Amino acid sequence: MKFDWHKDRITDETPVTDTYRNTQNVRRFMIEACGPGFRFDQDIMAWVKDGTSKTMGQVAGEWLRRHQP
């Protein structure tokens, strides 16, 4: 059964799969994890889709690392 990025519950442990999509559900998770300043950008999306195994918690952590003052 494929993960539905539109409606399935996303947690820190949710693996990023080859069907990953930037949905409102993903945006809600990332805003909750990273704060209201979260925005998708080309650099983070290239990292997300680079083919290496990662979880949504790792994605949030990487975004925070890249956007810390």
PDB file of N, CA and C in Angstrom:
ATOM      1  N   MET A   1       0.839  -1.177   0.000  1.00  0.00           N
ATOM      2  CA  MET A   1       0.000   0.000   0.000  1.00  0.00           C
ATOM      3  C   MET A   1       0.890   1.248   0.000  1.00  0.00           C
ATOM      4  N   LYS A   2       0.672   2.137  -0.958  1.00  0.00           N
ATOM      5  CA  LYS A   2       1.473   3.352  -1.079  1.00  0.00           C
ATOM      6  C   LYS A   2       1.011   4.405  -0.073  1.00  0.00           C
ATOM      7  N   PHE A   3       1.961   5.197   0.386  1.00  0.00           N
ATOM      8  CA  PHE A   3       1.667   6.288   1.307  1.00  0.00           C
ATOM      9  C   PHE A   3       0.959   7.392   0.543  1.00  0.00           C
ATOM     10  N   ASP A   4      -0.140   7.896   1.094  1.00  0.00           N
ATOM     11  CA  ASP A   4      -0.880   8.991   0.471  1.00  0.00           C
ATOM     12  C   ASP A   4      -0.436  10.301   1.113  1.00  0.00           C
ATOM     13  N   TRP A   5       0.364  11.068   0.400  1.00  0.00           N
ATOM     14  CA  TRP A   5       0.922  12.312   0.922  1.00  0.00           C
ATOM     15  C   TRP A   5      -0.141  13.371   1.145  1.00  0.00           C
ATOM     16  N   HIS A   6      -1.334  13.167   0.590  1.00  0.00           N
ATOM     17  CA  HIS A   6      -2.420  14.128   0.772  1.00  0.00           C
ATOM     18  C   HIS A   6      -3.166  13.908   2.078  1.00  0.00           C
ATOM     19  N   LYS A   7      -3.304  12.648   2.521  1.00  0.00           N
ATOM     20  CA  LYS A   7      -4.176  12.420   3.678  1.00  0.00           C
ATOM     21  C   LYS A   7      -3.595  11.547   4.782  1.00  0.00           C
ATOM     22  N   ASP A   8      -2.580  10.741   4.531  1.00  0.00           N
ATOM     23  CA  ASP A   8      -2.028   9.891   5.584  1.00  0.00           C
ATOM     24  C   ASP A   8      -1.299  10.745   6.617  1.00  0.00           C
ATOM     25  N   ARG A   9      -1.291  10.275   7.860  1.00  0.00           N
ATOM     26  CA  ARG A   9      -0.636  11.005   8.954  1.00  0.00           C
ATOM     27  C   ARG A   9       0.881  10.968   8.755  1.00  0.00           C
ATOM     28  N   ILE A  10       1.495  12.141   8.793  1.00  0.00           N
ATOM     29  CA  ILE A  10       2.945  12.267   8.645  1.00  0.00           C
ATOM     30  C   ILE A  10       3.545  12.452  10.033  1.00  0.00           C
ATOM     31  N   THR A  11       4.584  11.666  10.326  1.00  0.00           N
ATOM     32  CA  THR A  11       5.319  11.775  11.586  1.00  0.00           C
ATOM     33  C   THR A  11       6.793  11.942  11.265  1.00  0.00           C
ATOM     34  N   ASP A  12       7.591  12.149  12.311  1.00  0.00           N
ATOM     35  CA  ASP A  12       9.039  12.239  12.122  1.00  0.00           C
ATOM     36  C   ASP A  12       9.599  10.976  11.480  1.00  0.00           C
ATOM     37  N   GLU A  13       8.956   9.830  11.741  1.00  0.00           N
ATOM     38  CA  GLU A  13       9.455   8.549  11.240  1.00  0.00           C
ATOM     39  C   GLU A  13       8.954   8.202   9.838  1.00  0.00           C
ATOM     40  N   THR A  14       8.072   9.007   9.266  1.00  0.00           N
ATOM     41  CA  THR A  14       7.541   8.731   7.930  1.00  0.00           C
ATOM     42  C   THR A  14       8.675   8.762   6.914  1.00  0.00           C
ATOM     43  N   PRO A  15       8.894   7.647   6.196  1.00  0.00           N
ATOM     44  CA  PRO A  15       9.963   7.653   5.188  1.00  0.00           C
ATOM     45  C   PRO A  15       9.566   8.468   3.960  1.00  0.00           C
ATOM     46  N   VAL A  16      10.540   9.159   3.398  1.00  0.00           N
ATOM     47  CA  VAL A  16      10.330   9.859   2.135  1.00  0.00           C
ATOM     48  C   VAL A  16      10.419   8.791   1.050  1.00  0.00           C
ATOM     49  N   THR A  17       9.347   8.629   0.307  1.00  0.00           N
ATOM     50  CA  THR A  17       9.283   7.590  -0.712  1.00  0.00           C
ATOM     51  C   THR A  17       9.411   8.189  -2.106  1.00  0.00           C
ATOM     52  N   ASP A  18       9.469   7.312  -3.086  1.00  0.00           N
ATOM     53  CA  ASP A  18       9.567   7.799  -4.469  1.00  0.00           C
ATOM     54  C   ASP A  18       8.271   8.456  -4.938  1.00  0.00           C
ATOM     55  N   THR A  19       7.191   8.326  -4.145  1.00  0.00           N
ATOM     56  CA  THR A  19       5.924   8.985  -4.492  1.00  0.00           C
ATOM     57  C   THR A  19       5.743  10.301  -3.742  1.00  0.00           C
ATOM     58  N   TYR A  20       6.794  10.779  -3.070  1.00  0.00           N
ATOM     59  CA  TYR A  20       6.728  12.014  -2.283  1.00  0.00           C
ATOM     60  C   TYR A  20       6.200  13.173  -3.128  1.00  0.00           C
ATOM     61  N   ARG A  21       5.315  13.957  -2.509  1.00  0.00           N
ATOM     62  CA  ARG A  21       4.782  15.160  -3.148  1.00  0.00           C
ATOM     63  C   ARG A  21       4.706  16.268  -2.107  1.00  0.00           C
ATOM     64  N   ASN A  22       4.907  17.512  -2.535  1.00  0.00           N
ATOM     65  CA  ASN A  22       4.728  18.675  -1.656  1.00  0.00           C
ATOM     66  C   ASN A  22       3.242  18.991  -1.575  1.00  0.00           C
ATOM     67  N   THR A  23       2.577  18.399  -0.604  1.00  0.00           N
ATOM     68  CA  THR A  23       1.139  18.595  -0.447  1.00  0.00           C
ATOM     69  C   THR A  23       0.870  19.531   0.721  1.00  0.00           C
ATOM     70  N   GLN A  24      -0.368  19.942   0.874  1.00  0.00           N
ATOM     71  CA  GLN A  24      -0.762  20.744   2.041  1.00  0.00           C
ATOM     72  C   GLN A  24      -0.508  19.960   3.319  1.00  0.00           C
ATOM     73  N   ASN A  25      -0.688  18.657   3.277  1.00  0.00           N
ATOM     74  CA  ASN A  25      -0.423  17.795   4.433  1.00  0.00           C
ATOM     75  C   ASN A  25       1.058  17.867   4.812  1.00  0.00           C
ATOM     76  N   VAL A  26       1.941  17.808   3.842  1.00  0.00           N
ATOM     77  CA  VAL A  26       3.382  17.930   4.098  1.00  0.00           C
ATOM     78  C   VAL A  26       3.694  19.327   4.628  1.00  0.00           C
ATOM     79  N   ARG A  27       3.117  20.344   4.039  1.00  0.00           N
ATOM     80  CA  ARG A  27       3.346  21.719   4.473  1.00  0.00           C
ATOM     81  C   ARG A  27       2.922  21.901   5.936  1.00  0.00           C
ATOM     82  N   ARG A  28       1.763  21.340   6.320  1.00  0.00           N
ATOM     83  CA  ARG A  28       1.311  21.429   7.714  1.00  0.00           C
ATOM     84  C   ARG A  28       2.316  20.770   8.647  1.00  0.00           C
ATOM     85  N   PHE A  29       2.806  19.570   8.276  1.00  0.00           N
ATOM     86  CA  PHE A  29       3.801  18.880   9.098  1.00  0.00           C
ATOM     87  C   PHE A  29       5.057  19.731   9.250  1.00  0.00           C
ATOM     88  N   MET A  30       5.550  20.280   8.156  1.00  0.00           N
ATOM     89  CA  MET A  30       6.793  21.041   8.182  1.00  0.00           C
ATOM     90  C   MET A  30       6.635  22.343   8.972  1.00  0.00           C
ATOM     91  N   ILE A  31       5.507  23.008   8.876  1.00  0.00           N
ATOM     92  CA  ILE A  31       5.274  24.221   9.652  1.00  0.00           C
ATOM     93  C   ILE A  31       5.230  23.881  11.140  1.00  0.00           C
ATOM     94  N   GLU A  32       4.598  22.772  11.471  1.00  0.00           N
ATOM     95  CA  GLU A  32       4.558  22.346  12.870  1.00  0.00           C
ATOM     96  C   GLU A  32       5.968  22.015  13.374  1.00  0.00           C
ATOM     97  N   ALA A  33       6.763  21.370  12.553  1.00  0.00           N
ATOM     98  CA  ALA A  33       8.112  20.955  12.952  1.00  0.00           C
ATOM     99  C   ALA A  33       9.119  22.101  12.909  1.00  0.00           C
ATOM    100  N   CYS A  34       8.977  23.019  11.960  1.00  0.00           N
ATOM    101  CA  CYS A  34       9.998  24.042  11.725  1.00  0.00           C
ATOM    102  C   CYS A  34       9.560  25.447  12.111  1.00  0.00           C
ATOM    103  N   GLY A  35       8.293  25.647  12.317  1.00  0.00           N
ATOM    104  CA  GLY A  35       7.787  26.966  12.669  1.00  0.00           C
ATOM    105  C   GLY A  35       7.150  27.674  11.491  1.00  0.00           C
ATOM    106  N   PRO A  36       6.525  28.807  11.776  1.00  0.00           N
ATOM    107  CA  PRO A  36       5.761  29.521  10.743  1.00  0.00           C
ATOM    108  C   PRO A  36       6.618  30.102   9.614  1.00  0.00           C
ATOM    109  N   GLY A  37       7.917  30.164   9.793  1.00  0.00           N
ATOM    110  CA  GLY A  37       8.793  30.676   8.739  1.00  0.00           C
ATOM    111  C   GLY A  37       9.141  29.643   7.686  1.00  0.00           C
ATOM    112  N   PHE A  38       8.628  28.411   7.840  1.00  0.00           N
ATOM    113  CA  PHE A  38       8.965  27.371   6.868  1.00  0.00           C
ATOM    114  C   PHE A  38       8.469  27.723   5.478  1.00  0.00           C
ATOM    115  N   ARG A  39       9.343  27.506   4.494  1.00  0.00           N
ATOM    116  CA  ARG A  39       9.001  27.620   3.067  1.00  0.00           C
ATOM    117  C   ARG A  39       9.787  26.565   2.315  1.00  0.00           C
ATOM    118  N   PHE A  40       9.163  25.950   1.335  1.00  0.00           N
ATOM    119  CA  PHE A  40       9.896  25.055   0.445  1.00  0.00           C
ATOM    120  C   PHE A  40      10.822  25.909  -0.417  1.00  0.00           C
ATOM    121  N   ASP A  41      12.024  25.427  -0.669  1.00  0.00           N
ATOM    122  CA  ASP A  41      12.917  26.113  -1.587  1.00  0.00           C
ATOM    123  C   ASP A  41      13.620  25.064  -2.451  1.00  0.00           C
ATOM    124  N   GLN A  42      14.238  25.516  -3.520  1.00  0.00           N
ATOM    125  CA  GLN A  42      14.844  24.586  -4.474  1.00  0.00           C
ATOM    126  C   GLN A  42      15.947  23.750  -3.851  1.00  0.00           C
ATOM    127  N   ASP A  43      16.747  24.340  -2.986  1.00  0.00           N
ATOM    128  CA  ASP A  43      17.861  23.606  -2.379  1.00  0.00           C
ATOM    129  C   ASP A  43      17.372  22.461  -1.505  1.00  0.00           C
ATOM    130  N   ILE A  44      16.385  22.728  -0.662  1.00  0.00           N
ATOM    131  CA  ILE A  44      15.896  21.656   0.211  1.00  0.00           C
ATOM    132  C   ILE A  44      15.187  20.587  -0.613  1.00  0.00           C
ATOM    133  N   MET A  45      14.474  20.991  -1.656  1.00  0.00           N
ATOM    134  CA  MET A  45      13.776  20.001  -2.478  1.00  0.00           C
ATOM    135  C   MET A  45      14.773  19.119  -3.232  1.00  0.00           C
ATOM    136  N   ALA A  46      15.869  19.694  -3.690  1.00  0.00           N
ATOM    137  CA  ALA A  46      16.899  18.881  -4.345  1.00  0.00           C
ATOM    138  C   ALA A  46      17.465  17.870  -3.354  1.00  0.00           C
ATOM    139  N   TRP A  47      17.666  18.301  -2.105  1.00  0.00           N
ATOM    140  CA  TRP A  47      18.180  17.400  -1.068  1.00  0.00           C
ATOM    141  C   TRP A  47      17.167  16.297  -0.761  1.00  0.00           C
ATOM    142  N   VAL A  48      15.881  16.657  -0.647  1.00  0.00           N
ATOM    143  CA  VAL A  48      14.830  15.673  -0.353  1.00  0.00           C
ATOM    144  C   VAL A  48      14.797  14.593  -1.434  1.00  0.00           C
ATOM    145  N   LYS A  49      14.927  14.997  -2.680  1.00  0.00           N
ATOM    146  CA  LYS A  49      14.772  14.068  -3.805  1.00  0.00           C
ATOM    147  C   LYS A  49      16.096  13.559  -4.368  1.00  0.00           C
ATOM    148  N   ASP A  50      17.163  13.579  -3.565  1.00  0.00           N
ATOM    149  CA  ASP A  50      18.475  13.167  -4.069  1.00  0.00           C
ATOM    150  C   ASP A  50      18.677  11.652  -4.144  1.00  0.00           C
ATOM    151  N   GLY A  51      17.665  10.884  -3.765  1.00  0.00           N
ATOM    152  CA  GLY A  51      17.743   9.431  -3.893  1.00  0.00           C
ATOM    153  C   GLY A  51      18.237   8.711  -2.660  1.00  0.00           C
ATOM    154  N   THR A  52      18.670   9.452  -1.633  1.00  0.00           N
ATOM    155  CA  THR A  52      19.106   8.794  -0.408  1.00  0.00           C
ATOM    156  C   THR A  52      17.917   8.605   0.519  1.00  0.00           C
ATOM    157  N   SER A  53      17.992   7.562   1.330  1.00  0.00           N
ATOM    158  CA  SER A  53      16.930   7.236   2.270  1.00  0.00           C
ATOM    159  C   SER A  53      16.886   8.274   3.384  1.00  0.00           C
ATOM    160  N   LYS A  54      15.696   8.792   3.669  1.00  0.00           N
ATOM    161  CA  LYS A  54      15.535   9.757   4.755  1.00  0.00           C
ATOM    162  C   LYS A  54      14.101   9.740   5.257  1.00  0.00           C
ATOM    163  N   THR A  55      13.908  10.300   6.442  1.00  0.00           N
ATOM    164  CA  THR A  55      12.575  10.411   7.025  1.00  0.00           C
ATOM    165  C   THR A  55      12.136  11.874   7.014  1.00  0.00           C
ATOM    166  N   MET A  56      10.868  12.093   7.273  1.00  0.00           N
ATOM    167  CA  MET A  56      10.369  13.462   7.330  1.00  0.00           C
ATOM    168  C   MET A  56      10.983  14.211   8.513  1.00  0.00           C
ATOM    169  N   GLY A  57      11.301  13.522   9.589  1.00  0.00           N
ATOM    170  CA  GLY A  57      12.000  14.160  10.698  1.00  0.00           C
ATOM    171  C   GLY A  57      13.366  14.667  10.277  1.00  0.00           C
ATOM    172  N   GLN A  58      14.058  13.895   9.455  1.00  0.00           N
ATOM    173  CA  GLN A  58      15.359  14.326   8.935  1.00  0.00           C
ATOM    174  C   GLN A  58      15.197  15.516   7.996  1.00  0.00           C
ATOM    175  N   VAL A  59      14.131  15.522   7.221  1.00  0.00           N
ATOM    176  CA  VAL A  59      13.875  16.652   6.316  1.00  0.00           C
ATOM    177  C   VAL A  59      13.666  17.921   7.139  1.00  0.00           C
ATOM    178  N   ALA A  60      12.841  17.837   8.182  1.00  0.00           N
ATOM    179  CA  ALA A  60      12.601  18.999   9.038  1.00  0.00           C
ATOM    180  C   ALA A  60      13.906  19.447   9.698  1.00  0.00           C
ATOM    181  N   GLY A  61      14.691  18.507  10.203  1.00  0.00           N
ATOM    182  CA  GLY A  61      15.960  18.838  10.829  1.00  0.00           C
ATOM    183  C   GLY A  61      16.923  19.509   9.870  1.00  0.00           C
ATOM    184  N   GLU A  62      16.968  19.040   8.642  1.00  0.00           N
ATOM    185  CA  GLU A  62      17.858  19.645   7.638  1.00  0.00           C
ATOM    186  C   GLU A  62      17.397  21.053   7.294  1.00  0.00           C
ATOM    187  N   TRP A  63      16.082  21.243   7.158  1.00  0.00           N
ATOM    188  CA  TRP A  63      15.579  22.586   6.871  1.00  0.00           C
ATOM    189  C   TRP A  63      15.966  23.539   7.998  1.00  0.00           C
ATOM    190  N   LEU A  64      15.767  23.101   9.245  1.00  0.00           N
ATOM    191  CA  LEU A  64      16.125  23.936  10.390  1.00  0.00           C
ATOM    192  C   LEU A  64      17.620  24.249  10.400  1.00  0.00           C
ATOM    193  N   ARG A  65      18.451  23.258  10.126  1.00  0.00           N
ATOM    194  CA  ARG A  65      19.895  23.462  10.102  1.00  0.00           C
ATOM    195  C   ARG A  65      20.271  24.516   9.068  1.00  0.00           C
ATOM    196  N   ARG A  66      19.648  24.455   7.896  1.00  0.00           N
ATOM    197  CA  ARG A  66      19.985  25.378   6.811  1.00  0.00           C
ATOM    198  C   ARG A  66      19.453  26.788   7.043  1.00  0.00           C
ATOM    199  N   HIS A  67      18.431  26.921   7.894  1.00  0.00           N
ATOM    200  CA  HIS A  67      17.780  28.226   8.064  1.00  0.00           C
ATOM    201  C   HIS A  67      17.961  28.806   9.457  1.00  0.00           C
ATOM    202  N   GLN A  68      18.907  28.300  10.212  1.00  0.00           N
ATOM    203  CA  GLN A  68      19.199  28.895  11.506  1.00  0.00           C
ATOM    204  C   GLN A  68      19.979  30.191  11.299  1.00  0.00           C
ATOM    205  N   PRO A  69      19.666  31.190  12.106  1.00  0.00           N
ATOM    206  CA  PRO A  69      20.390  32.470  11.963  1.00  0.00           C
ATOM    207  C   PRO A  69      21.839  32.352  12.353  1.00  0.00           C
TER     208      PRO A  69
END
